[in-house]
Protein backbone atom coordinates (compact mmCIF):
# COMPACT_ATOMS: atom_id res chain seq x y z
CA MET A 1 -20.51 11.85 -0.63
CA SER A 2 -18.57 12.38 -3.84
CA VAL A 3 -18.92 9.75 -6.57
CA ARG A 4 -15.53 10.72 -8.02
CA THR A 5 -13.38 9.66 -5.07
CA LEU A 6 -12.69 6.00 -5.90
CA PRO A 7 -10.23 6.51 -8.81
CA LEU A 8 -8.04 8.88 -6.80
CA VAL A 9 -8.05 6.55 -3.78
CA PHE A 10 -7.07 3.57 -5.92
CA ILE A 11 -4.30 5.41 -7.80
CA ASN A 12 -2.78 6.96 -4.67
CA LEU A 13 -2.96 3.79 -2.58
CA GLY A 14 -1.60 1.79 -5.51
CA GLY A 15 1.25 4.26 -5.85
CA GLU A 16 2.13 3.93 -2.16
CA MET A 17 2.01 0.15 -2.49
CA LEU A 18 4.47 0.27 -5.39
CA TYR A 19 6.80 2.52 -3.36
CA ILE A 20 6.84 0.02 -0.49
CA LEU A 21 7.21 -3.05 -2.69
CA ASP A 22 10.06 -1.43 -4.62
CA GLN A 23 11.82 -0.61 -1.36
CA ARG A 24 11.32 -4.15 0.00
CA LEU A 25 12.50 -5.74 -3.26
CA ARG A 26 15.69 -3.69 -3.03
CA ALA A 27 16.17 -4.48 0.66
CA GLN A 28 15.63 -8.17 -0.05
CA ASN A 29 18.31 -8.10 -2.78
CA THR A 30 15.87 -9.49 -5.31
CA SER A 31 17.29 -9.86 -8.80
CA GLU A 32 16.66 -7.00 -11.20
CA ASP A 33 14.73 -9.25 -13.58
CA ASN A 34 12.32 -10.40 -10.87
CA SER A 35 11.90 -6.88 -9.47
CA GLU A 36 11.21 -5.46 -12.91
CA LYS A 37 8.71 -8.21 -13.67
CA VAL A 38 6.84 -7.70 -10.40
CA LEU A 39 6.52 -3.96 -10.90
CA ASN A 40 5.61 -4.28 -14.58
CA ASP A 41 2.92 -6.89 -13.90
CA ILE A 42 1.35 -4.85 -11.10
CA VAL A 43 1.42 -1.55 -13.01
CA GLY A 44 0.17 -3.24 -16.18
CA THR A 45 -2.81 -4.68 -14.31
CA MET A 46 -3.44 -1.47 -12.39
CA PHE A 47 -3.58 0.75 -15.49
CA SER A 48 -5.20 -1.61 -17.94
CA LYS A 49 -7.78 0.12 -20.14
CA ALA A 50 -10.78 -2.04 -19.24
CA PHE A 51 -10.01 -1.82 -15.53
CA MET A 52 -9.62 1.96 -15.54
CA ASP A 53 -12.75 2.49 -17.64
CA GLU A 54 -14.72 0.60 -14.99
CA LEU A 55 -13.01 2.45 -12.17
CA LEU A 56 -13.70 5.91 -13.60
CA LYS A 57 -17.45 5.40 -13.69
CA PRO A 58 -19.28 7.52 -11.05
CA GLN A 59 -19.72 5.29 -8.00
CA GLN A 60 -19.57 5.31 -4.22
CA LEU A 61 -16.28 4.81 -2.44
CA TYR A 62 -15.60 1.23 -1.30
CA SER A 63 -15.26 0.16 2.30
CA HIS A 64 -11.83 -0.62 3.74
CA ARG A 65 -12.53 -4.35 3.52
CA THR A 66 -13.41 -4.21 -0.18
CA MET A 67 -10.57 -1.83 -1.00
CA LYS A 68 -8.10 -4.09 0.75
CA THR A 69 -9.38 -7.10 -1.22
CA VAL A 70 -8.93 -5.27 -4.52
CA LEU A 71 -5.41 -4.14 -3.60
CA THR A 72 -4.50 -7.64 -2.39
CA ARG A 73 -5.53 -9.02 -5.76
CA LEU A 74 -3.47 -6.29 -7.41
CA ALA A 75 -0.38 -7.10 -5.31
CA HIS A 76 -0.68 -10.77 -6.30
CA ALA A 77 -0.97 -9.99 -10.02
CA SER A 78 2.66 -11.10 -10.38
CA ILE A 79 4.86 -13.92 -9.13
CA MET A 80 5.28 -12.21 -5.74
CA ARG A 81 3.18 -13.36 -2.79
CA LEU A 82 2.34 -11.73 0.54
CA ASN A 83 0.90 -13.61 3.47
CA PRO A 84 -2.12 -12.09 5.28
CA ALA A 85 -0.03 -10.53 8.07
CA SER A 86 2.26 -8.75 5.63
CA MET A 87 -0.69 -7.63 3.51
CA ASP A 88 -2.35 -6.17 6.60
CA ARG A 89 0.81 -4.24 7.41
CA LEU A 90 1.17 -3.10 3.79
CA TYR A 91 -2.40 -1.79 3.72
CA GLU A 92 -1.88 0.11 6.97
CA LEU A 93 1.25 1.80 5.61
CA MET A 94 -0.55 2.74 2.40
CA ILE A 95 -3.55 4.17 4.24
CA MET A 96 -1.54 6.24 6.71
CA ALA A 97 0.75 7.63 3.99
CA PHE A 98 -2.18 8.79 1.87
CA LYS A 99 -4.02 10.12 4.93
CA TYR A 100 -0.97 12.22 5.81
CA GLN A 101 -0.89 13.62 2.28
CA VAL A 102 -4.60 14.50 2.37
CA PHE A 103 -4.18 16.22 5.74
CA LEU A 104 -1.30 18.38 4.48
CA CYS A 105 -2.84 19.08 1.07
CA PRO A 106 -2.90 22.91 0.76
CA ARG A 107 -6.31 23.04 -0.96
CA PRO A 108 -8.80 20.40 -2.17
CA LYS A 109 -7.89 20.82 -5.84
CA ASP A 110 -4.26 19.95 -5.05
CA LEU A 111 -5.38 16.36 -4.46
CA LEU A 112 -4.90 16.04 -8.21
CA LEU A 113 -1.27 17.11 -7.87
CA ILE A 114 -0.73 14.39 -5.25
CA SER A 115 -2.21 11.85 -7.68
CA TYR A 116 -0.03 13.16 -10.51
CA ASN A 117 3.07 12.84 -8.31
CA HIS A 118 2.20 9.18 -7.75
CA MET A 119 1.67 8.62 -11.46
CA ASP A 120 4.92 10.38 -12.36
CA ALA A 121 6.82 8.12 -9.94
CA ILE A 122 5.04 5.01 -11.26
CA ARG A 123 5.95 6.04 -14.80
CA GLU A 124 9.59 6.25 -13.70
CA LEU A 125 9.46 2.74 -12.18
CA VAL A 126 8.38 1.19 -15.50
CA LYS A 127 10.25 3.56 -17.83
CA ASP A 128 12.01 0.65 -19.56
CA THR A 129 8.69 -0.84 -20.75
CA PRO A 130 7.13 1.56 -23.30
CA ALA A 131 3.83 -0.31 -23.53
CA ILE A 132 3.15 0.08 -19.81
CA VAL A 133 4.32 3.73 -19.88
CA ASN A 134 1.68 4.34 -22.54
CA GLN A 135 -0.94 2.79 -20.25
CA VAL A 136 0.04 5.17 -17.46
CA ASP A 137 -0.06 8.16 -19.84
CA GLU A 138 -3.49 7.19 -21.15
CA THR A 139 -4.85 6.91 -17.62
CA ASN A 140 -3.32 10.27 -16.74
CA ARG A 141 -5.11 11.86 -19.72
CA LYS A 142 -8.42 10.35 -18.59
CA ILE A 143 -7.93 11.68 -15.06
CA ILE A 144 -7.27 15.16 -16.46
CA GLU A 145 -10.36 14.93 -18.65
CA VAL A 146 -12.64 13.79 -15.83
CA TYR A 147 -11.43 16.06 -13.02
CA ALA A 148 -10.46 19.26 -14.88
CA SER A 149 -14.09 20.39 -15.06
CA LEU A 150 -14.90 19.89 -11.36
CA SER A 151 -15.69 23.00 -9.35
CA GLU A 152 -14.04 24.02 -6.08
CA GLY A 153 -17.13 22.84 -4.22
CA GLU A 154 -16.92 19.38 -5.82
CA PHE A 155 -13.26 19.12 -4.84
CA GLN A 156 -14.19 20.10 -1.29
CA LEU A 157 -16.84 17.34 -1.24
CA LEU A 158 -14.22 14.92 -2.55
CA ARG A 159 -11.86 15.87 0.28
CA GLN A 160 -14.62 15.44 2.87
CA THR A 161 -15.34 11.97 1.48
CA LEU A 162 -11.67 11.08 1.89
CA LEU A 163 -11.62 12.34 5.48
CA ILE A 164 -14.64 10.17 6.29
CA PHE A 165 -12.83 7.22 4.69
CA PHE A 166 -9.78 7.82 6.91
CA GLN A 167 -11.80 8.43 10.05
CA ASP A 168 -10.61 6.54 13.15
CA MET A 169 -7.47 5.31 11.34
CA HIS A 170 -4.67 6.22 13.78
CA ILE A 171 -1.97 3.64 13.06
CA ARG A 172 1.54 4.57 14.16
CA VAL A 173 4.22 4.48 11.47
CA ALA A 174 7.88 4.40 12.49
CA LEU A 175 8.98 6.77 9.72
CA PHE A 176 6.38 9.37 10.72
CA LEU A 177 7.21 9.04 14.41
CA LYS A 178 10.90 9.44 13.68
CA ASN A 179 10.31 12.59 11.63
CA GLN A 180 8.03 13.90 14.40
CA VAL A 181 5.07 14.37 12.07
CA GLN A 182 2.99 11.87 14.05
CA ASN A 183 2.25 11.77 17.76
CA PRO A 184 2.52 8.55 19.81
CA ASN A 185 -1.28 8.30 19.75
CA GLY A 186 -1.21 8.02 15.96
CA ARG A 187 -2.51 11.51 15.14
CA PHE A 188 -0.62 13.75 12.74
CA VAL A 189 1.08 17.02 13.65
CA LEU A 190 -0.13 19.91 11.48
CA SER A 191 2.34 22.75 11.00
CA THR A 192 1.36 26.37 11.72
CA SER A 193 3.97 27.86 9.45
CA GLY A 194 5.01 27.89 5.81
CA PRO A 195 3.43 29.13 2.58
CA VAL A 196 -0.35 29.50 2.39
CA PRO A 197 -2.32 27.81 -0.43
CA HIS A 198 -2.26 29.34 -3.88
CA GLY A 199 -4.74 32.21 -4.19
CA ILE A 200 -4.96 32.80 -0.43
CA ASP A 201 -3.68 35.88 1.43
CA VAL A 202 -1.31 35.57 4.37
CA PRO A 203 -3.46 35.72 7.56
CA GLY A 204 -2.99 38.42 10.18
CA LEU A 205 -4.51 41.46 8.48
CA ILE A 206 -8.09 42.80 8.76
CA LYS A 207 -9.26 45.33 6.18
CA THR A 208 -12.35 47.50 6.71
CA PHE A 209 -14.21 49.02 3.75
CA ASP A 210 -16.94 51.64 3.53
CA ILE A 211 -20.19 51.38 1.58
CA LYS A 212 -18.44 52.59 -1.58
CA GLY A 213 -15.84 49.83 -1.38
CA ARG A 214 -12.97 52.06 -0.29
CA GLU A 215 -10.54 50.78 2.34
CA VAL A 216 -10.78 52.91 5.46
CA ARG A 217 -8.90 51.01 8.12
CA ARG A 218 -6.44 48.19 8.67
CA SER A 219 -5.73 46.21 11.80
CA GLU A 220 -3.54 43.25 12.56
CA PHE A 221 -4.04 40.23 14.80
CA PRO A 222 -1.67 37.46 15.96
CA THR A 223 -1.99 34.30 13.86
CA GLY A 224 -0.14 31.92 16.15
CA GLY A 225 2.12 30.85 13.29
CA SER A 226 4.67 32.02 10.76
CA TYR A 227 3.01 32.10 7.34
CA THR A 228 4.52 33.23 4.05
CA SER A 229 3.16 34.15 0.65
CA PRO A 230 1.95 31.28 -1.55
CA ILE A 231 4.35 29.64 -3.96
CA ARG A 232 3.52 29.22 -7.62
CA GLU A 233 0.75 26.84 -8.65
CA GLY A 234 1.68 23.32 -9.69
CA CYS A 235 1.23 21.98 -13.21
CA PHE A 236 -1.99 20.04 -13.83
CA GLU A 237 -0.95 18.84 -17.30
CA LEU A 238 0.42 15.44 -18.31
CA HIS A 239 4.01 16.48 -17.59
CA GLY A 240 5.38 19.40 -15.62
CA ASP A 241 6.50 20.67 -12.24
CA ARG A 242 3.90 19.72 -9.62
CA VAL A 243 5.58 22.10 -7.10
CA ILE A 244 4.23 20.27 -4.03
CA ARG A 245 6.15 17.19 -2.89
CA LEU A 246 3.22 15.34 -1.35
CA GLY A 247 2.76 11.98 -3.05
CA MET A 248 6.43 11.48 -3.90
CA ASN A 249 8.35 8.41 -2.79
CA MET A 250 9.33 8.95 0.84
CA TYR A 251 11.15 5.59 1.05
CA THR A 252 14.00 6.58 -1.28
CA MET A 253 15.77 8.51 1.46
CA ASN A 254 18.58 6.66 3.22
CA HIS A 255 18.18 5.98 6.92
CA PRO A 256 21.53 4.48 8.05
CA GLU A 257 20.47 4.13 11.65
CA GLU A 258 17.50 2.01 10.63
CA THR A 259 19.56 -0.39 8.55
CA HIS A 260 22.57 -0.50 10.84
CA ILE A 261 24.05 -3.96 11.33
CA SER A 262 25.78 -4.75 14.56
CA LYS A 263 29.46 -5.44 14.07
CA ALA A 264 30.47 -9.07 14.02
CA PRO A 265 33.95 -10.59 13.95
CA SER A 266 35.87 -9.49 10.87
CA VAL A 267 34.40 -12.25 8.72
CA LYS A 268 32.33 -11.21 5.72
CA TYR A 269 32.41 -14.32 3.57
CA ILE A 270 32.59 -17.92 4.71
CA TRP A 271 33.48 -20.69 2.33
CA VAL A 272 31.77 -23.90 3.32
CA SER A 273 31.19 -27.24 1.71
CA ILE A 274 27.62 -28.44 1.92
CA GLY A 275 27.64 -32.19 2.24
CA GLY A 276 30.59 -34.42 1.51
CA THR A 277 32.74 -35.04 -1.50
CA ASP A 278 30.94 -38.37 -2.05
CA ASN A 279 27.91 -36.47 -3.28
CA GLY A 280 29.97 -34.48 -5.73
CA TRP A 281 28.68 -31.14 -4.50
CA THR A 282 30.70 -28.02 -5.13
CA ASP A 283 31.52 -25.41 -2.58
CA TYR A 284 29.04 -22.66 -1.85
CA MET A 285 29.85 -19.20 -0.67
CA CYS A 286 27.46 -18.21 2.12
CA THR A 287 27.26 -14.48 2.57
CA LEU A 288 26.00 -13.41 5.96
CA VAL A 289 23.55 -10.73 4.95
CA PHE A 290 20.94 -9.74 7.50
CA SER A 291 18.14 -7.69 5.97
CA ALA A 292 14.73 -6.72 7.27
CA SER A 293 13.01 -8.99 4.79
CA SER A 294 15.41 -11.89 4.59
CA TYR A 295 14.27 -15.46 4.27
CA LEU A 296 14.75 -17.94 7.07
CA CYS A 297 18.42 -17.54 7.93
CA LYS A 298 20.77 -19.74 9.91
CA THR A 299 23.84 -18.39 11.69
CA PHE A 300 26.93 -20.53 11.30
CA VAL A 301 29.49 -20.22 14.07
CA LEU A 302 33.11 -20.95 13.20
CA GLN A 303 35.72 -21.32 15.88
CA THR A 304 38.66 -18.96 15.55
CA ASP A 305 41.29 -21.42 16.78
CA GLY A 306 41.03 -23.59 13.66
CA THR A 307 39.49 -26.63 15.36
CA PRO A 308 36.42 -28.11 13.65
CA ASN A 309 33.08 -27.16 15.11
CA LEU A 310 30.85 -30.23 15.25
CA LEU A 311 27.75 -28.12 15.84
CA ALA A 312 28.42 -26.08 12.70
CA LYS A 313 28.93 -29.30 10.73
CA GLU A 314 25.56 -30.65 11.87
CA GLU A 315 23.89 -27.37 10.98
CA LEU A 316 25.39 -27.49 7.50
CA ASN A 317 24.23 -31.06 7.04
CA LEU A 318 20.73 -30.04 8.14
CA LEU A 319 20.80 -27.17 5.65
CA ALA A 320 21.86 -29.60 2.93
CA ARG A 321 18.92 -31.89 3.71
CA LEU A 322 16.52 -28.97 3.73
CA MET A 323 17.81 -27.71 0.39
CA GLY A 324 17.37 -31.12 -1.09
CA SER A 325 13.84 -31.64 0.26
CA MET A 326 12.20 -28.23 -0.07
CA LYS A 327 10.16 -27.79 -3.24
CA ALA A 328 8.73 -24.50 -4.37
CA LYS A 329 5.17 -24.10 -5.53
CA GLU A 330 4.80 -25.20 -9.13
CA LEU A 331 5.04 -22.20 -11.46
CA PRO A 332 5.89 -21.82 -15.13
CA LYS A 333 9.50 -22.72 -15.83
CA ALA A 334 10.37 -19.13 -16.71
CA GLU A 335 9.00 -17.79 -13.43
CA THR A 336 10.12 -18.35 -9.88
CA GLY A 337 7.81 -17.35 -7.06
CA PHE A 338 9.01 -15.57 -3.96
CA ARG A 339 7.49 -13.81 -0.99
CA ILE A 340 8.05 -10.46 0.65
CA ASN A 341 7.97 -9.92 4.39
CA LEU A 342 6.75 -6.51 5.61
CA PHE A 343 8.00 -7.20 9.14
CA THR A 344 11.49 -6.93 10.54
CA THR A 345 11.93 -10.68 10.97
CA ASP A 346 10.07 -13.86 10.10
CA ARG A 347 9.30 -14.37 13.78
CA GLU A 348 7.48 -11.03 13.95
CA GLU A 349 5.48 -11.98 10.88
CA GLU A 350 4.48 -15.31 12.41
CA GLU A 351 3.53 -13.60 15.68
CA ALA A 352 1.41 -11.06 13.78
CA GLY A 353 -0.41 -13.85 11.99
CA ALA A 354 -0.86 -15.76 15.24
CA SER A 355 -2.18 -12.69 17.03
CA GLY A 356 -4.78 -12.24 14.31
CA GLY A 357 -5.90 -15.80 14.81
CA ALA A 358 -5.89 -15.32 18.58
CA GLU A 359 -8.19 -12.34 18.30
CA GLU A 360 -10.63 -14.42 16.29
CA ALA A 361 -10.40 -17.20 18.86
CA LEU A 362 -11.29 -14.78 21.64
CA CYS A 363 -14.64 -14.08 19.98
CA GLU A 364 -17.26 -16.16 21.72
CA VAL A 365 -19.36 -18.29 19.39
CA ILE A 366 -22.97 -18.80 20.43
CA ASN A 367 -24.93 -21.59 18.81
CA ILE A 368 -28.67 -21.07 18.76
CA GLN A 369 -30.88 -24.04 18.07
CA ALA A 370 -34.59 -23.44 17.48
CA MET A 371 -36.69 -26.51 18.34
CA GLN A 372 -40.05 -26.90 16.65
CA ASP A 373 -42.43 -29.73 15.92
CA GLU A 374 -42.58 -31.48 12.56
CA GLN A 375 -46.02 -30.16 11.62
CA ALA A 376 -44.99 -26.51 12.10
CA ALA A 377 -41.83 -27.07 10.09
CA THR A 378 -43.81 -28.56 7.18
CA GLU A 379 -46.25 -25.65 7.18
CA LEU A 380 -43.45 -23.06 7.19
CA ALA A 381 -41.72 -24.85 4.33
CA ARG A 382 -44.94 -24.80 2.28
CA ILE A 383 -45.42 -21.06 2.85
CA ALA A 384 -41.81 -20.31 1.98
CA GLY A 385 -42.20 -22.31 -1.24
CA GLU A 386 -45.22 -20.25 -2.26
CA PHE A 387 -43.26 -17.03 -1.77
CA ALA A 388 -40.35 -18.41 -3.81
CA GLU A 389 -42.65 -19.28 -6.72
CA GLU A 390 -44.30 -15.85 -6.79
CA LYS A 391 -41.06 -13.89 -6.57
CA GLU A 392 -39.76 -12.81 -9.96
CA ARG A 393 -36.05 -13.15 -10.63
CA PRO A 394 -34.36 -10.01 -11.95
CA GLU A 395 -32.98 -10.27 -15.47
CA HIS A 396 -29.66 -8.75 -14.35
CA PRO A 397 -28.81 -9.76 -10.79
CA VAL A 398 -27.09 -7.07 -8.76
CA SER A 399 -23.62 -7.75 -7.41
CA SER A 400 -23.68 -8.79 -3.76
CA SER A 401 -20.88 -6.48 -2.77
CA LYS A 402 -18.95 -3.53 -4.11
CA GLY A 403 -15.86 -4.34 -6.06
CA ASP A 404 -16.95 -7.73 -7.41
CA ASP A 405 -16.91 -6.43 -10.98
CA LEU A 406 -13.40 -5.04 -10.56
CA LEU A 407 -12.15 -8.26 -8.97
CA ALA A 408 -13.63 -10.36 -11.77
CA MET A 409 -12.00 -8.04 -14.29
CA MET A 410 -8.62 -8.35 -12.57
CA ASP A 411 -8.91 -12.15 -12.81
CA ASP A 412 -9.35 -11.84 -16.57
CA LEU A 413 -6.27 -9.62 -17.03
């Protein structure tokens, strides 16, 4: 397995995570200040010098469990919070997006172009913060320095390591299913047409040469596809045209049918008074906005004939009590925490979390109790003590699991 795979996995998965979070922040109508702070904090932590220096050291690729823990810590580097169900969904989307890009990558070396596309898009997300842009540029220079000298065989080994990492991951993604690039069983559809990789001839022609190297015969064979000549090679420098579009933000496209809101009566804004005049509260304008990641919403029904609706009044009073009693988690005065839901509704998120707990509950727990007499127990304890005294403790204890150093470093940032 390649020992140079981890940095590319982290950068590409981190880039996909930023794409999704940016899309959810926009869909959730989060203020520009909060959105900018979330993205800046995550990118600043992701591309910090100490963290990247540790990440670029030759090392084995992490397991999915460790990688998910590192990315969860990265996602929570700001004031935003994701519950376990949403984080699970986020990780699945990140993994399947990067797997699709690796599958369609024209040649192993073009994995760098995919990574550069992610870094270019990340640089655009934080373009208003020069200090963080410099961090991204410095990391990009280090990636170029480390990977520019790798041979074609090393890039092929890197690609094989990625394919092993993605093995048995067949999670269905609605966007892929809609675009017909993924089958209902979760496997991707590979095209048999289009341009061939750079430096490769269009298949379908067999050339025969004699012992002197002269071409003596040509024959053709059906390829089963419609291939064209390769397009120009992408730029592997800090800035330039990457040519291939793999790794770019696929969530920026508008999908009206996915965000369509069923038509309601011609009421867009409802002016209501929360509470009574005795409390001195002013009127609030409640805008009925239904988004995929909205907070817990309440639908207020107003009668069209002008008569007061007692049920609506009780609901408003309940909302007033809730607003007066709910207290957010204590954070610095300048910061306000909020959460992002990766599911369509809060109910789906709760069901996803409950299903995870149900699966754990289905696992049968077997308690094994070993009975032994007191004399045998004393003798075993004495022998174990002798072994403990003779065993030398290492001067530098080895980390119990991969990624502990990176997690500790992220805590310090």
